[in-house]
Amino acid sequence: MKQFLSVNEVAELLSVNPMTIYKWCKSGKLPHYTIGGSVIRFDTEQLAKHIEGAIKK
């Protein structure tokens, strides 16, 4: 079963402000799902791959 994280959980994980996460989502820098037009969730597997790829650059 897939696991999903909230904006606050990702912000804590990456040690940034939640507003930064919203900005990164809006600009397309983070893979995410928008539910009901306002709720943002992150697939843990996709997020891990994205972060890993960003670190390798």
N, C-alpha and C. Protein backbone atom coordinates (compact mmCIF):
# COMPACT_ATOMS: atom_id res chain seq x y z
N MET A 1 0.84 -1.19 0.00
CA MET A 1 0.00 0.00 0.00
C MET A 1 0.89 1.25 0.00
N LYS A 2 0.54 2.21 -0.84
CA LYS A 2 1.31 3.44 -0.92
C LYS A 2 1.11 4.28 0.32
N GLN A 3 2.17 5.00 0.69
CA GLN A 3 2.08 5.92 1.83
C GLN A 3 2.22 7.34 1.31
N PHE A 4 1.49 8.24 1.92
CA PHE A 4 1.51 9.63 1.50
C PHE A 4 1.84 10.53 2.68
N LEU A 5 2.52 11.64 2.38
CA LEU A 5 2.89 12.60 3.40
C LEU A 5 2.19 13.93 3.15
N SER A 6 1.98 14.68 4.21
CA SER A 6 1.38 16.01 4.10
C SER A 6 2.48 17.05 3.84
N VAL A 7 2.06 18.25 3.55
CA VAL A 7 2.99 19.36 3.35
C VAL A 7 3.85 19.55 4.59
N ASN A 8 3.24 19.54 5.76
CA ASN A 8 3.99 19.74 7.00
C ASN A 8 5.00 18.63 7.25
N GLU A 9 4.64 17.41 6.94
CA GLU A 9 5.57 16.29 7.13
C GLU A 9 6.76 16.40 6.19
N VAL A 10 6.52 16.79 4.94
CA VAL A 10 7.62 16.95 3.98
C VAL A 10 8.50 18.13 4.39
N ALA A 11 7.88 19.21 4.85
CA ALA A 11 8.64 20.38 5.29
C ALA A 11 9.56 20.01 6.46
N GLU A 12 9.05 19.23 7.39
CA GLU A 12 9.87 18.79 8.52
C GLU A 12 10.99 17.87 8.05
N LEU A 13 10.68 16.97 7.15
CA LEU A 13 11.66 16.03 6.61
C LEU A 13 12.80 16.76 5.91
N LEU A 14 12.47 17.82 5.17
CA LEU A 14 13.48 18.56 4.41
C LEU A 14 14.03 19.78 5.17
N SER A 15 13.55 19.99 6.38
CA SER A 15 13.99 21.11 7.23
C SER A 15 13.78 22.46 6.55
N VAL A 16 12.58 22.64 5.99
CA VAL A 16 12.21 23.92 5.38
C VAL A 16 10.83 24.33 5.89
N ASN A 17 10.47 25.56 5.63
CA ASN A 17 9.17 26.10 6.01
C ASN A 17 8.10 25.48 5.10
N PRO A 18 6.91 25.19 5.63
CA PRO A 18 5.85 24.65 4.78
C PRO A 18 5.53 25.54 3.57
N MET A 19 5.67 26.84 3.70
CA MET A 19 5.43 27.74 2.57
C MET A 19 6.40 27.45 1.42
N THR A 20 7.61 27.03 1.75
CA THR A 20 8.59 26.66 0.73
C THR A 20 8.09 25.45 -0.05
N ILE A 21 7.50 24.50 0.65
CA ILE A 21 6.95 23.30 -0.01
C ILE A 21 5.84 23.70 -0.97
N TYR A 22 4.95 24.60 -0.53
CA TYR A 22 3.87 25.07 -1.42
C TYR A 22 4.45 25.75 -2.66
N LYS A 23 5.48 26.56 -2.49
CA LYS A 23 6.11 27.24 -3.63
C LYS A 23 6.74 26.23 -4.58
N TRP A 24 7.42 25.22 -4.03
CA TRP A 24 8.05 24.20 -4.87
C TRP A 24 7.00 23.40 -5.63
N CYS A 25 5.84 23.16 -5.01
CA CYS A 25 4.76 22.44 -5.70
C CYS A 25 4.22 23.30 -6.84
N LYS A 26 3.97 24.56 -6.56
CA LYS A 26 3.42 25.46 -7.57
C LYS A 26 4.36 25.59 -8.77
N SER A 27 5.66 25.60 -8.51
CA SER A 27 6.63 25.76 -9.59
C SER A 27 6.97 24.43 -10.28
N GLY A 28 6.45 23.32 -9.76
CA GLY A 28 6.69 22.02 -10.37
C GLY A 28 7.98 21.35 -9.91
N LYS A 29 8.59 21.86 -8.86
CA LYS A 29 9.85 21.28 -8.38
C LYS A 29 9.67 20.01 -7.57
N LEU A 30 8.47 19.78 -7.04
CA LEU A 30 8.22 18.57 -6.25
C LEU A 30 7.03 17.81 -6.83
N PRO A 31 7.18 16.49 -7.00
CA PRO A 31 6.04 15.69 -7.48
C PRO A 31 5.02 15.57 -6.35
N HIS A 32 3.76 15.85 -6.69
CA HIS A 32 2.72 15.82 -5.66
C HIS A 32 1.36 15.53 -6.29
N TYR A 33 0.40 15.26 -5.44
CA TYR A 33 -0.99 15.07 -5.83
C TYR A 33 -1.81 16.14 -5.15
N THR A 34 -2.76 16.71 -5.89
CA THR A 34 -3.69 17.66 -5.31
C THR A 34 -5.05 16.97 -5.24
N ILE A 35 -5.62 16.96 -4.04
CA ILE A 35 -6.88 16.27 -3.81
C ILE A 35 -7.94 17.31 -3.48
N GLY A 36 -9.02 17.27 -4.20
CA GLY A 36 -10.12 18.20 -3.94
C GLY A 36 -9.78 19.65 -4.22
N GLY A 37 -8.76 19.87 -4.99
CA GLY A 37 -8.38 21.24 -5.36
C GLY A 37 -7.54 21.98 -4.35
N SER A 38 -7.38 21.44 -3.14
CA SER A 38 -6.62 22.19 -2.15
C SER A 38 -5.71 21.36 -1.25
N VAL A 39 -5.95 20.09 -1.14
CA VAL A 39 -5.14 19.23 -0.27
C VAL A 39 -3.99 18.65 -1.08
N ILE A 40 -2.77 18.87 -0.61
CA ILE A 40 -1.58 18.37 -1.30
C ILE A 40 -1.00 17.19 -0.52
N ARG A 41 -0.70 16.13 -1.25
CA ARG A 41 -0.08 14.95 -0.65
C ARG A 41 1.08 14.49 -1.52
N PHE A 42 2.05 13.84 -0.89
CA PHE A 42 3.26 13.39 -1.56
C PHE A 42 3.40 11.89 -1.39
N ASP A 43 3.60 11.18 -2.50
CA ASP A 43 3.88 9.74 -2.48
C ASP A 43 5.31 9.58 -1.97
N THR A 44 5.49 8.81 -0.92
CA THR A 44 6.82 8.68 -0.31
C THR A 44 7.86 8.13 -1.28
N GLU A 45 7.47 7.19 -2.14
CA GLU A 45 8.41 6.61 -3.09
C GLU A 45 8.83 7.63 -4.14
N GLN A 46 7.87 8.35 -4.70
CA GLN A 46 8.19 9.37 -5.70
C GLN A 46 9.06 10.47 -5.09
N LEU A 47 8.73 10.88 -3.89
CA LEU A 47 9.48 11.93 -3.22
C LEU A 47 10.92 11.50 -2.97
N ALA A 48 11.11 10.26 -2.51
CA ALA A 48 12.45 9.75 -2.25
C ALA A 48 13.28 9.71 -3.53
N LYS A 49 12.68 9.25 -4.64
CA LYS A 49 13.39 9.21 -5.92
C LYS A 49 13.75 10.61 -6.39
N HIS A 50 12.83 11.54 -6.21
CA HIS A 50 13.08 12.92 -6.63
C HIS A 50 14.22 13.54 -5.83
N ILE A 51 14.21 13.35 -4.53
CA ILE A 51 15.26 13.89 -3.67
C ILE A 51 16.60 13.25 -4.00
N GLU A 52 16.59 11.94 -4.19
CA GLU A 52 17.81 11.22 -4.53
C GLU A 52 18.39 11.75 -5.84
N GLY A 53 17.55 11.98 -6.82
CA GLY A 53 17.99 12.51 -8.10
C GLY A 53 18.54 13.92 -7.97
N ALA A 54 17.93 14.72 -7.13
CA ALA A 54 18.38 16.10 -6.93
C ALA A 54 19.74 16.13 -6.22
N ILE A 55 19.97 15.19 -5.33
CA ILE A 55 21.24 15.13 -4.61
C ILE A 55 22.38 14.72 -5.55
N LYS A 56 22.08 13.83 -6.49
CA LYS A 56 23.12 13.34 -7.40
C LYS A 56 23.57 14.38 -8.42
N LYS A 57 22.75 15.42 -8.64
CA LYS A 57 23.09 16.44 -9.65
C LYS A 57 24.22 17.31 -9.22
